Amino acid sequence: YWVEPAAHGWSGEPRFTVAALDLGIKGMTPQRFAERGVRVRVMPAESTLEQLLSVNPDGVFLSNGPGDPATADVQVELTREVLDRKIPFFGICFGNQILGRALGYGTYKLPFGHRGINQPVLDRTTGKVEITAQNHGFAVDAPLDGPTVAPVERFGRVEVSHICLNDNVVEGLRCLDLPAFSVQYHPEAAAGPHDAAYLFDRFVDAMAERSSATANTQEG
């Protein structure tokens, strides 16, 4: 199904189109995109790359959802195909774990899952602490001292962009040579402050940058 910007207060033409893989998506997530002028095509979890590309997406989003990321081989392979095409990618929660696996990192079950609101997360890019909402029992096993080259080397350098201040669990990944990033928590949630809403803007910026680069290449 489609989520249209006009239904969520956006006036004017849509800016971009996102193909969102539904692994258990929350209704607020496509709304956050729509508020920024982005059309969202919510697609089944088993969608193929061909099906994603059929909507001519400017970006691909992988949602939150239940389950062990070690079993998500289909989605991991799909993510690798998206990364190979340098399509801007954004993942939340389960989507973060799938990006981690696609890059070659392992995942593991936490002894105590992160549940509820008021979870402090450090954005290592800005140095700011965000108060986040979380609901996950698995995490990505990636080196905190980065950047480092991804285990799947063709994807280049990766850094852990966010960490949980309670236990140093990986809370986000950012590719430095590809337009791809993810977070483990829920930026669409608003149990308290909207500290993480900027992540949707960051994804819109990544799509705008790719669109501009593509236009310049065609003109040249």
C-alpha atoms as a PDB file:
ATOM      1  CA  TYR A   1       0.000   0.000   0.000  1.00  0.00           C
ATOM      2  CA  TRP A   2       0.956   3.618  -0.541  1.00  0.00           C
ATOM      3  CA  VAL A   3       1.265   6.377   2.041  1.00  0.00           C
ATOM      4  CA  GLU A   4       0.967   9.764   0.382  1.00  0.00           C
ATOM      5  CA  PRO A   5       2.416  13.082   1.633  1.00  0.00           C
ATOM      6  CA  ALA A   6      -0.817  14.954   0.904  1.00  0.00           C
ATOM      7  CA  ALA A   7      -2.614  12.849   3.518  1.00  0.00           C
ATOM      8  CA  HIS A   8      -0.197  14.054   6.190  1.00  0.00           C
ATOM      9  CA  GLY A   9      -0.076  17.796   5.723  1.00  0.00           C
ATOM     10  CA  TRP A  10       2.396  18.090   2.831  1.00  0.00           C
ATOM     11  CA  SER A  11       1.450  20.622   0.154  1.00  0.00           C
ATOM     12  CA  GLY A  12       2.957  20.433  -3.284  1.00  0.00           C
ATOM     13  CA  GLU A  13       4.460  17.636  -5.295  1.00  0.00           C
ATOM     14  CA  PRO A  14       6.073  14.656  -3.510  1.00  0.00           C
ATOM     15  CA  ARG A  15       9.831  14.994  -3.248  1.00  0.00           C
ATOM     16  CA  PHE A  16      10.916  11.354  -3.278  1.00  0.00           C
ATOM     17  CA  THR A  17       9.657   7.771  -3.247  1.00  0.00           C
ATOM     18  CA  VAL A  18      10.751   5.213  -0.652  1.00  0.00           C
ATOM     19  CA  ALA A  19      10.247   1.468  -0.866  1.00  0.00           C
ATOM     20  CA  ALA A  20       9.675   0.303   2.725  1.00  0.00           C
ATOM     21  CA  LEU A  21      10.066  -3.370   3.551  1.00  0.00           C
ATOM     22  CA  ASP A  22       7.447  -4.326   6.124  1.00  0.00           C
ATOM     23  CA  LEU A  23       9.048  -6.547   8.752  1.00  0.00           C
ATOM     24  CA  GLY A  24       6.563  -5.353  11.369  1.00  0.00           C
ATOM     25  CA  ILE A  25       6.437  -1.678  10.467  1.00  0.00           C
ATOM     26  CA  LYS A  26       4.793   0.852  12.763  1.00  0.00           C
ATOM     27  CA  GLY A  27       2.194   3.127  11.186  1.00  0.00           C
ATOM     28  CA  MET A  28       4.017   6.219  12.405  1.00  0.00           C
ATOM     29  CA  THR A  29       7.120   5.447  10.324  1.00  0.00           C
ATOM     30  CA  PRO A  30       5.674   6.066   6.840  1.00  0.00           C
ATOM     31  CA  GLN A  31       3.846   9.052   8.322  1.00  0.00           C
ATOM     32  CA  ARG A  32       7.171  10.580   9.399  1.00  0.00           C
ATOM     33  CA  PHE A  33       8.365  10.233   5.795  1.00  0.00           C
ATOM     34  CA  ALA A  34       5.106  11.590   4.356  1.00  0.00           C
ATOM     35  CA  GLU A  35       5.327  14.673   6.562  1.00  0.00           C
ATOM     36  CA  ARG A  36       8.600  15.403   4.770  1.00  0.00           C
ATOM     37  CA  GLY A  37       7.109  15.080   1.294  1.00  0.00           C
ATOM     38  CA  VAL A  38       8.141  11.457   0.713  1.00  0.00           C
ATOM     39  CA  ARG A  39       5.795   8.902  -0.870  1.00  0.00           C
ATOM     40  CA  VAL A  40       6.123   5.499   0.775  1.00  0.00           C
ATOM     41  CA  ARG A  41       5.316   2.152  -0.816  1.00  0.00           C
ATOM     42  CA  VAL A  42       5.017  -0.351   2.039  1.00  0.00           C
ATOM     43  CA  MET A  43       5.954  -3.767   0.656  1.00  0.00           C
ATOM     44  CA  PRO A  44       5.863  -7.360   1.979  1.00  0.00           C
ATOM     45  CA  ALA A  45       8.824  -8.764   3.907  1.00  0.00           C
ATOM     46  CA  GLU A  46       9.601 -11.305   1.168  1.00  0.00           C
ATOM     47  CA  SER A  47       9.767  -8.726  -1.632  1.00  0.00           C
ATOM     48  CA  THR A  48      12.480  -9.171  -4.237  1.00  0.00           C
ATOM     49  CA  LEU A  49      14.838  -6.541  -5.569  1.00  0.00           C
ATOM     50  CA  GLU A  50      12.877  -6.517  -8.826  1.00  0.00           C
ATOM     51  CA  GLN A  51       9.686  -5.737  -6.919  1.00  0.00           C
ATOM     52  CA  LEU A  52      11.388  -2.950  -4.959  1.00  0.00           C
ATOM     53  CA  LEU A  53      12.837  -1.432  -8.126  1.00  0.00           C
ATOM     54  CA  SER A  54       9.421  -1.570  -9.824  1.00  0.00           C
ATOM     55  CA  VAL A  55       8.320   1.481  -7.805  1.00  0.00           C
ATOM     56  CA  ASN A  56      11.433   3.396  -8.923  1.00  0.00           C
ATOM     57  CA  PRO A  57      12.522   4.186  -5.364  1.00  0.00           C
ATOM     58  CA  ASP A  58      14.860   7.004  -4.416  1.00  0.00           C
ATOM     59  CA  GLY A  59      15.601   5.105  -1.209  1.00  0.00           C
ATOM     60  CA  VAL A  60      14.945   1.788   0.529  1.00  0.00           C
ATOM     61  CA  PHE A  61      13.818   1.479   4.137  1.00  0.00           C
ATOM     62  CA  LEU A  62      13.854  -1.639   6.335  1.00  0.00           C
ATOM     63  CA  SER A  63      11.524  -1.533   9.294  1.00  0.00           C
ATOM     64  CA  ASN A  64      11.508  -2.829  12.811  1.00  0.00           C
ATOM     65  CA  GLY A  65       9.998  -6.228  13.540  1.00  0.00           C
ATOM     66  CA  PRO A  66      10.216  -9.330  15.719  1.00  0.00           C
ATOM     67  CA  GLY A  67      12.562 -12.264  15.364  1.00  0.00           C
ATOM     68  CA  ASP A  68      16.165 -13.380  15.346  1.00  0.00           C
ATOM     69  CA  PRO A  69      18.223 -11.522  12.718  1.00  0.00           C
ATOM     70  CA  ALA A  70      20.252 -14.702  12.166  1.00  0.00           C
ATOM     71  CA  THR A  71      17.192 -16.134  10.377  1.00  0.00           C
ATOM     72  CA  ALA A  72      16.674 -13.176   8.020  1.00  0.00           C
ATOM     73  CA  ASP A  73      18.813 -14.474   5.139  1.00  0.00           C
ATOM     74  CA  VAL A  74      16.361 -13.331   2.452  1.00  0.00           C
ATOM     75  CA  GLN A  75      16.340  -9.751   3.716  1.00  0.00           C
ATOM     76  CA  VAL A  76      20.115  -9.752   4.236  1.00  0.00           C
ATOM     77  CA  GLU A  77      20.690 -10.718   0.614  1.00  0.00           C
ATOM     78  CA  LEU A  78      18.176  -8.110  -0.553  1.00  0.00           C
ATOM     79  CA  THR A  79      20.006  -5.451   1.461  1.00  0.00           C
ATOM     80  CA  ARG A  80      23.298  -6.426  -0.153  1.00  0.00           C
ATOM     81  CA  GLU A  81      21.719  -5.993  -3.577  1.00  0.00           C
ATOM     82  CA  VAL A  82      20.476  -2.539  -2.569  1.00  0.00           C
ATOM     83  CA  LEU A  83      23.920  -1.563  -1.249  1.00  0.00           C
ATOM     84  CA  ASP A  84      25.590  -2.814  -4.438  1.00  0.00           C
ATOM     85  CA  ARG A  85      23.393  -0.401  -6.400  1.00  0.00           C
ATOM     86  CA  LYS A  86      24.236   2.466  -4.023  1.00  0.00           C
ATOM     87  CA  ILE A  87      20.551   3.182  -3.396  1.00  0.00           C
ATOM     88  CA  PRO A  88      20.179   5.209  -0.182  1.00  0.00           C
ATOM     89  CA  PHE A  89      19.294   2.856   2.670  1.00  0.00           C
ATOM     90  CA  PHE A  90      17.840   3.455   6.128  1.00  0.00           C
ATOM     91  CA  GLY A  91      17.032   0.765   8.681  1.00  0.00           C
ATOM     92  CA  ILE A  92      15.348   0.852  12.089  1.00  0.00           C
ATOM     93  CA  CYS A  93      15.640  -1.808  14.806  1.00  0.00           C
ATOM     94  CA  PHE A  94      15.426  -5.146  12.927  1.00  0.00           C
ATOM     95  CA  GLY A  95      16.532  -3.182   9.875  1.00  0.00           C
ATOM     96  CA  ASN A  96      19.679  -2.163  11.769  1.00  0.00           C
ATOM     97  CA  GLN A  97      20.479  -5.785  12.548  1.00  0.00           C
ATOM     98  CA  ILE A  98      19.894  -6.785   8.926  1.00  0.00           C
ATOM     99  CA  LEU A  99      22.212  -4.026   7.684  1.00  0.00           C
ATOM    100  CA  GLY A 100      24.806  -5.268  10.169  1.00  0.00           C
ATOM    101  CA  ARG A 101      24.527  -8.807   8.829  1.00  0.00           C
ATOM    102  CA  ALA A 102      24.600  -7.581   5.220  1.00  0.00           C
ATOM    103  CA  LEU A 103      27.880  -5.802   5.960  1.00  0.00           C
ATOM    104  CA  GLY A 104      29.255  -9.048   7.399  1.00  0.00           C
ATOM    105  CA  TYR A 105      28.915  -8.467  11.138  1.00  0.00           C
ATOM    106  CA  GLY A 106      27.413 -10.976  13.532  1.00  0.00           C
ATOM    107  CA  THR A 107      24.433 -10.533  15.817  1.00  0.00           C
ATOM    108  CA  TYR A 108      23.774 -11.884  19.287  1.00  0.00           C
ATOM    109  CA  LYS A 109      21.025 -12.142  21.874  1.00  0.00           C
ATOM    110  CA  LEU A 110      21.275  -9.638  24.693  1.00  0.00           C
ATOM    111  CA  PRO A 111      21.263 -11.038  28.254  1.00  0.00           C
ATOM    112  CA  PHE A 112      18.783  -8.272  29.084  1.00  0.00           C
ATOM    113  CA  GLY A 113      16.817  -6.756  26.216  1.00  0.00           C
ATOM    114  CA  HIS A 114      16.375  -3.020  25.855  1.00  0.00           C
ATOM    115  CA  ARG A 115      12.715  -2.246  26.501  1.00  0.00           C
ATOM    116  CA  GLY A 116      10.747   0.937  27.004  1.00  0.00           C
ATOM    117  CA  ILE A 117      11.406   4.648  26.949  1.00  0.00           C
ATOM    118  CA  ASN A 118      14.170   6.839  28.366  1.00  0.00           C
ATOM    119  CA  GLN A 119      17.066   4.798  26.967  1.00  0.00           C
ATOM    120  CA  PRO A 120      20.139   7.083  26.649  1.00  0.00           C
ATOM    121  CA  VAL A 121      21.983   6.829  23.340  1.00  0.00           C
ATOM    122  CA  LEU A 122      25.082   8.751  22.282  1.00  0.00           C
ATOM    123  CA  ASP A 123      25.183   9.987  18.693  1.00  0.00           C
ATOM    124  CA  ARG A 124      28.917   9.762  18.162  1.00  0.00           C
ATOM    125  CA  THR A 125      28.685  11.953  15.055  1.00  0.00           C
ATOM    126  CA  THR A 126      27.383  14.974  16.944  1.00  0.00           C
ATOM    127  CA  GLY A 127      28.298  14.136  20.548  1.00  0.00           C
ATOM    128  CA  LYS A 128      24.681  14.595  21.594  1.00  0.00           C
ATOM    129  CA  VAL A 129      22.804  12.246  23.896  1.00  0.00           C
ATOM    130  CA  GLU A 130      19.339  11.209  22.719  1.00  0.00           C
ATOM    131  CA  ILE A 131      16.587   9.870  24.953  1.00  0.00           C
ATOM    132  CA  THR A 132      15.137   7.022  22.905  1.00  0.00           C
ATOM    133  CA  ALA A 133      12.429   4.385  22.866  1.00  0.00           C
ATOM    134  CA  GLN A 134      13.661   0.822  22.414  1.00  0.00           C
ATOM    135  CA  ASN A 135      12.285  -2.705  22.133  1.00  0.00           C
ATOM    136  CA  HIS A 136      14.899  -5.218  21.070  1.00  0.00           C
ATOM    137  CA  GLY A 137      16.480  -8.400  22.337  1.00  0.00           C
ATOM    138  CA  PHE A 138      19.259  -8.762  19.760  1.00  0.00           C
ATOM    139  CA  ALA A 139      22.165  -6.516  18.801  1.00  0.00           C
ATOM    140  CA  VAL A 140      24.884  -6.133  16.177  1.00  0.00           C
ATOM    141  CA  ASP A 141      28.403  -7.263  17.061  1.00  0.00           C
ATOM    142  CA  ALA A 142      30.544  -4.562  15.435  1.00  0.00           C
ATOM    143  CA  PRO A 143      33.789  -2.910  16.586  1.00  0.00           C
ATOM    144  CA  LEU A 144      33.191   0.251  18.598  1.00  0.00           C
ATOM    145  CA  ASP A 145      36.576   1.675  17.634  1.00  0.00           C
ATOM    146  CA  GLY A 146      36.133   2.731  14.066  1.00  0.00           C
ATOM    147  CA  PRO A 147      35.844   3.368  11.308  1.00  0.00           C
ATOM    148  CA  THR A 148      36.814  -0.078  10.059  1.00  0.00           C
ATOM    149  CA  VAL A 149      36.420  -1.874   6.748  1.00  0.00           C
ATOM    150  CA  ALA A 150      33.285  -4.011   6.699  1.00  0.00           C
ATOM    151  CA  PRO A 151      33.844  -7.786   6.799  1.00  0.00           C
ATOM    152  CA  VAL A 152      32.190  -7.800   3.356  1.00  0.00           C
ATOM    153  CA  GLU A 153      34.946  -5.609   2.014  1.00  0.00           C
ATOM    154  CA  ARG A 154      33.231  -4.332  -1.125  1.00  0.00           C
ATOM    155  CA  PHE A 155      30.984  -2.194   1.072  1.00  0.00           C
ATOM    156  CA  GLY A 156      33.927  -0.164   2.317  1.00  0.00           C
ATOM    157  CA  ARG A 157      34.272   1.591   5.648  1.00  0.00           C
ATOM    158  CA  VAL A 158      31.711   1.455   8.415  1.00  0.00           C
ATOM    159  CA  GLU A 159      31.487   3.066  11.812  1.00  0.00           C
ATOM    160  CA  VAL A 160      29.333   2.495  14.855  1.00  0.00           C
ATOM    161  CA  SER A 161      27.445   5.786  14.852  1.00  0.00           C
ATOM    162  CA  HIS A 162      25.426   5.354  18.055  1.00  0.00           C
ATOM    163  CA  ILE A 163      25.962   3.460  21.313  1.00  0.00           C
ATOM    164  CA  CYS A 164      23.789   2.843  24.353  1.00  0.00           C
ATOM    165  CA  LEU A 165      25.241   4.637  27.362  1.00  0.00           C
ATOM    166  CA  ASN A 166      23.884   1.993  29.745  1.00  0.00           C
ATOM    167  CA  ASP A 167      25.878  -0.940  28.356  1.00  0.00           C
ATOM    168  CA  ASN A 168      27.787   0.165  25.202  1.00  0.00           C
ATOM    169  CA  VAL A 169      25.551  -1.892  22.915  1.00  0.00           C
ATOM    170  CA  VAL A 170      25.682  -0.876  19.237  1.00  0.00           C
ATOM    171  CA  GLU A 171      22.740   1.434  18.559  1.00  0.00           C
ATOM    172  CA  GLY A 172      23.545   2.529  15.021  1.00  0.00           C
ATOM    173  CA  LEU A 173      25.719   1.918  11.953  1.00  0.00           C
ATOM    174  CA  ARG A 174      26.856   4.297   9.249  1.00  0.00           C
ATOM    175  CA  CYS A 175      28.525   3.377   5.984  1.00  0.00           C
ATOM    176  CA  LEU A 176      31.162   5.907   4.984  1.00  0.00           C
ATOM    177  CA  ASP A 177      31.505   4.856   1.348  1.00  0.00           C
ATOM    178  CA  LEU A 178      27.820   4.157   0.680  1.00  0.00           C
ATOM    179  CA  PRO A 179      24.614   6.126   1.391  1.00  0.00           C
ATOM    180  CA  ALA A 180      23.444   3.722   4.091  1.00  0.00           C
ATOM    181  CA  PHE A 181      22.821   4.010   7.825  1.00  0.00           C
ATOM    182  CA  SER A 182      20.632   2.506  10.527  1.00  0.00           C
ATOM    183  CA  VAL A 183      19.686   2.779  14.178  1.00  0.00           C
ATOM    184  CA  GLN A 184      18.630   0.164  16.698  1.00  0.00           C
ATOM    185  CA  TYR A 185      16.049   2.299  18.499  1.00  0.00           C
ATOM    186  CA  HIS A 186      12.747   3.845  17.368  1.00  0.00           C
ATOM    187  CA  PRO A 187      13.062   7.414  16.031  1.00  0.00           C
ATOM    188  CA  GLU A 188       9.409   7.400  14.982  1.00  0.00           C
ATOM    189  CA  ALA A 189       8.317   6.923  18.607  1.00  0.00           C
ATOM    190  CA  ALA A 190       7.349   9.895  20.726  1.00  0.00           C
ATOM    191  CA  ALA A 191       6.826   8.626  24.250  1.00  0.00           C
ATOM    192  CA  GLY A 192       8.867  11.638  25.284  1.00  0.00           C
ATOM    193  CA  PRO A 193      11.066  14.033  23.295  1.00  0.00           C
ATOM    194  CA  HIS A 194      11.549  13.886  19.544  1.00  0.00           C
ATOM    195  CA  ASP A 195      15.330  13.682  19.912  1.00  0.00           C
ATOM    196  CA  ALA A 196      15.786  11.253  17.018  1.00  0.00           C
ATOM    197  CA  ALA A 197      13.451  12.812  14.420  1.00  0.00           C
ATOM    198  CA  TYR A 198      16.496  14.206  12.585  1.00  0.00           C
ATOM    199  CA  LEU A 199      17.221  10.715  11.248  1.00  0.00           C
ATOM    200  CA  PHE A 200      14.336  11.017   8.803  1.00  0.00           C
ATOM    201  CA  ASP A 201      15.799  14.333   7.628  1.00  0.00           C
ATOM    202  CA  ARG A 202      19.193  12.681   7.253  1.00  0.00           C
ATOM    203  CA  PHE A 203      17.669  10.044   4.970  1.00  0.00           C
ATOM    204  CA  VAL A 204      15.884  12.701   2.909  1.00  0.00           C
ATOM    205  CA  ASP A 205      19.226  14.510   2.551  1.00  0.00           C
ATOM    206  CA  ALA A 206      20.869  11.273   1.339  1.00  0.00           C
ATOM    207  CA  MET A 207      18.186  10.837  -1.329  1.00  0.00           C
ATOM    208  CA  ALA A 208      18.526  14.484  -2.374  1.00  0.00           C
ATOM    209  CA  GLU A 209      22.286  14.139  -2.697  1.00  0.00           C
ATOM    210  CA  ARG A 210      21.980  11.021  -4.839  1.00  0.00           C
ATOM    211  CA  SER A 211      19.300  12.637  -6.996  1.00  0.00           C
ATOM    212  CA  SER A 212      21.511  15.684  -7.545  1.00  0.00           C
ATOM    213  CA  ALA A 213      24.534  13.530  -8.377  1.00  0.00           C
ATOM    214  CA  THR A 214      22.490  11.490 -10.861  1.00  0.00           C
ATOM    215  CA  ALA A 215      21.175  14.639 -12.540  1.00  0.00           C
ATOM    216  CA  ASN A 216      24.686  16.083 -12.838  1.00  0.00           C
ATOM    217  CA  THR A 217      25.964  12.853 -14.368  1.00  0.00           C
ATOM    218  CA  GLN A 218      23.174  12.836 -16.946  1.00  0.00           C
ATOM    219  CA  GLU A 219      23.809  16.478 -17.823  1.00  0.00           C
ATOM    220  CA  GLY A 220      27.518  15.832 -18.184  1.00  0.00           C
END
